[in-house]
Amino acid sequence: MSRIPDSEFDKVVRPTEGVPLESIPAYSTTIHWFPDDGCWVATCPELLELFGNEARSTGDTPGEAADELAGVVQGLAADRIRKQRLLPREDTFRVFSGTLTLRMPIWLHERIAEEARRDRVSINTWLVSRLAQAAGALR
């Protein structure tokens, strides 16, 4: 398996000594498969501009890449906190696609399909309408 060179994705893990973990923001993680390199790459978008490739890690599985990145992010953030430097906000790069995967029991899926059919709309339209009502968007 071909790997991304360490010089490109330098995995620097710094200790979190003296920094309470709850003071480290819960940053987001994006994970992508790099077929040419044969590995998963996990990235912390909020820290990329500040730390460059140090805010990335690789792994043989998505979980391995994410776990590796968690340690890297904790170390980078703790180092910054110890030096009394500001950290980016948690939601700096949060992007919503409008797509959501929802798992539910079969009986509920059948019931929703029946309701949507009765209202002569798609399941998606029916669900969006009900979610908007529940969220208070429609009155």
Protein backbone atom coordinates (compact mmCIF):
# COMPACT_ATOMS: atom_id res chain seq x y z
CA MET A 1 0.00 0.00 0.00
CA SER A 2 1.33 3.39 -1.03
CA ARG A 3 1.26 6.03 1.71
CA ILE A 4 1.32 9.81 1.64
CA PRO A 5 4.91 10.81 2.49
CA ASP A 6 5.45 11.87 6.10
CA SER A 7 7.02 15.10 4.89
CA GLU A 8 3.62 16.03 3.41
CA PHE A 9 1.54 15.00 6.40
CA ASP A 10 3.72 15.56 9.40
CA LYS A 11 2.01 13.94 12.38
CA VAL A 12 3.14 16.05 15.31
CA VAL A 13 1.57 14.98 18.58
CA ARG A 14 2.25 17.34 21.45
CA PRO A 15 1.43 16.44 25.05
CA THR A 16 -1.67 17.91 26.66
CA GLU A 17 -0.10 18.13 30.14
CA GLY A 18 -1.50 20.92 32.26
CA VAL A 19 -4.38 21.62 29.87
CA PRO A 20 -7.82 20.30 30.82
CA LEU A 21 -9.25 18.39 27.86
CA GLU A 22 -12.61 20.16 28.29
CA SER A 23 -10.89 23.46 27.41
CA ILE A 24 -10.03 22.08 23.95
CA PRO A 25 -12.80 22.85 21.43
CA ALA A 26 -14.64 19.97 19.75
CA TYR A 27 -13.46 20.62 16.21
CA SER A 28 -14.90 18.91 13.14
CA THR A 29 -13.22 16.15 11.19
CA THR A 30 -13.43 15.43 7.48
CA ILE A 31 -12.28 12.05 6.20
CA HIS A 32 -11.54 11.22 2.58
CA TRP A 33 -10.15 8.17 0.79
CA PHE A 34 -7.07 8.84 -1.34
CA PRO A 35 -7.00 5.90 -3.80
CA ASP A 36 -3.63 6.87 -5.30
CA ASP A 37 -2.07 6.76 -1.85
CA GLY A 38 -4.11 3.83 -0.57
CA CYS A 39 -5.08 5.47 2.71
CA TRP A 40 -7.70 7.54 4.49
CA VAL A 41 -6.86 11.15 5.33
CA ALA A 42 -8.54 12.88 8.27
CA THR A 43 -8.41 16.66 8.41
CA CYS A 44 -9.45 19.28 10.95
CA PRO A 45 -10.71 22.15 8.74
CA GLU A 46 -10.74 24.69 11.57
CA LEU A 47 -7.02 24.19 12.23
CA LEU A 48 -5.77 23.72 8.64
CA GLU A 49 -5.04 27.38 7.99
CA LEU A 50 -3.30 27.78 11.34
CA PHE A 51 -1.25 24.57 11.33
CA GLY A 52 -1.21 23.40 7.72
CA ASN A 53 -0.50 19.71 7.23
CA GLU A 54 -0.03 19.20 10.96
CA ALA A 55 -3.85 19.30 11.19
CA ARG A 56 -4.08 16.08 9.11
CA SER A 57 -3.45 12.42 9.72
CA THR A 58 -3.64 9.21 7.75
CA GLY A 59 -4.85 5.71 8.50
CA ASP A 60 -5.70 2.36 6.95
CA THR A 61 -9.34 2.85 8.03
CA PRO A 62 -11.49 5.96 8.52
CA GLY A 63 -11.57 5.25 12.25
CA GLU A 64 -7.81 4.92 12.47
CA ALA A 65 -7.31 8.24 10.65
CA ALA A 66 -9.91 9.95 12.89
CA ASP A 67 -8.40 8.54 16.10
CA GLU A 68 -4.94 9.66 15.03
CA LEU A 69 -6.26 13.12 14.21
CA ALA A 70 -8.00 13.44 17.60
CA GLY A 71 -4.65 13.10 19.35
CA VAL A 72 -2.99 15.51 16.95
CA VAL A 73 -5.72 18.13 17.42
CA GLN A 74 -5.59 17.80 21.20
CA GLY A 75 -1.83 18.29 21.15
CA LEU A 76 -1.92 21.26 18.79
CA ALA A 77 -4.75 22.97 20.70
CA ALA A 78 -3.18 22.31 24.11
CA ASP A 79 0.12 23.77 22.94
CA ARG A 80 -1.68 26.90 21.76
CA ILE A 81 -3.63 27.18 25.05
CA ARG A 82 -0.43 26.83 27.09
CA LYS A 83 1.09 29.67 25.08
CA GLN A 84 -2.08 31.73 25.73
CA ARG A 85 -2.81 32.05 22.02
CA LEU A 86 -6.28 32.15 20.54
CA LEU A 87 -7.82 29.13 18.87
CA PRO A 88 -10.35 29.21 16.03
CA ARG A 89 -14.00 28.74 16.98
CA GLU A 90 -15.39 25.22 16.74
CA ASP A 91 -17.90 25.92 14.01
CA THR A 92 -15.73 28.07 11.75
CA PHE A 93 -16.03 25.70 8.80
CA ARG A 94 -19.33 24.01 9.53
CA VAL A 95 -21.19 23.53 6.29
CA PHE A 96 -24.62 22.01 5.93
CA SER A 97 -25.36 20.19 2.69
CA GLY A 98 -29.10 19.81 3.12
CA THR A 99 -28.65 16.04 2.92
CA LEU A 100 -29.29 13.79 5.89
CA THR A 101 -29.16 10.00 6.19
CA LEU A 102 -31.83 8.80 8.56
CA ARG A 103 -32.22 5.27 9.89
CA MET A 104 -35.55 4.15 11.30
CA PRO A 105 -37.49 0.97 12.04
CA ILE A 106 -39.19 -0.63 9.04
CA TRP A 107 -42.65 -0.14 10.56
CA LEU A 108 -42.04 3.62 10.82
CA HIS A 109 -40.76 3.81 7.25
CA GLU A 110 -43.92 2.04 6.07
CA ARG A 111 -46.13 4.40 8.09
CA ILE A 112 -44.37 7.50 6.71
CA ALA A 113 -44.68 6.14 3.16
CA GLU A 114 -48.44 5.60 3.72
CA GLU A 115 -48.86 9.16 5.06
CA ALA A 116 -46.89 10.64 2.15
CA ARG A 117 -48.96 8.65 -0.35
CA ARG A 118 -52.16 9.83 1.33
CA ASP A 119 -50.94 13.47 1.09
CA ARG A 120 -49.83 12.83 -2.52
CA VAL A 121 -46.26 13.98 -1.89
CA SER A 122 -42.89 12.28 -1.80
CA ILE A 123 -41.57 10.80 1.43
CA ASN A 124 -38.89 13.50 1.40
CA THR A 125 -41.44 16.33 1.07
CA TRP A 126 -43.60 14.79 3.79
CA LEU A 127 -40.65 14.42 6.19
CA VAL A 128 -39.29 17.92 5.50
CA SER A 129 -42.74 19.39 6.17
CA ARG A 130 -43.07 17.51 9.48
CA LEU A 131 -39.54 18.38 10.57
CA ALA A 132 -40.08 22.06 9.74
CA GLN A 133 -43.30 22.01 11.80
CA ALA A 134 -41.50 20.37 14.71
CA ALA A 135 -38.67 22.90 14.49
CA GLY A 136 -41.17 25.76 14.55
CA ALA A 137 -40.32 26.96 11.04
CA LEU A 138 -43.95 26.66 9.88
CA ARG A 139 -46.85 28.03 11.86
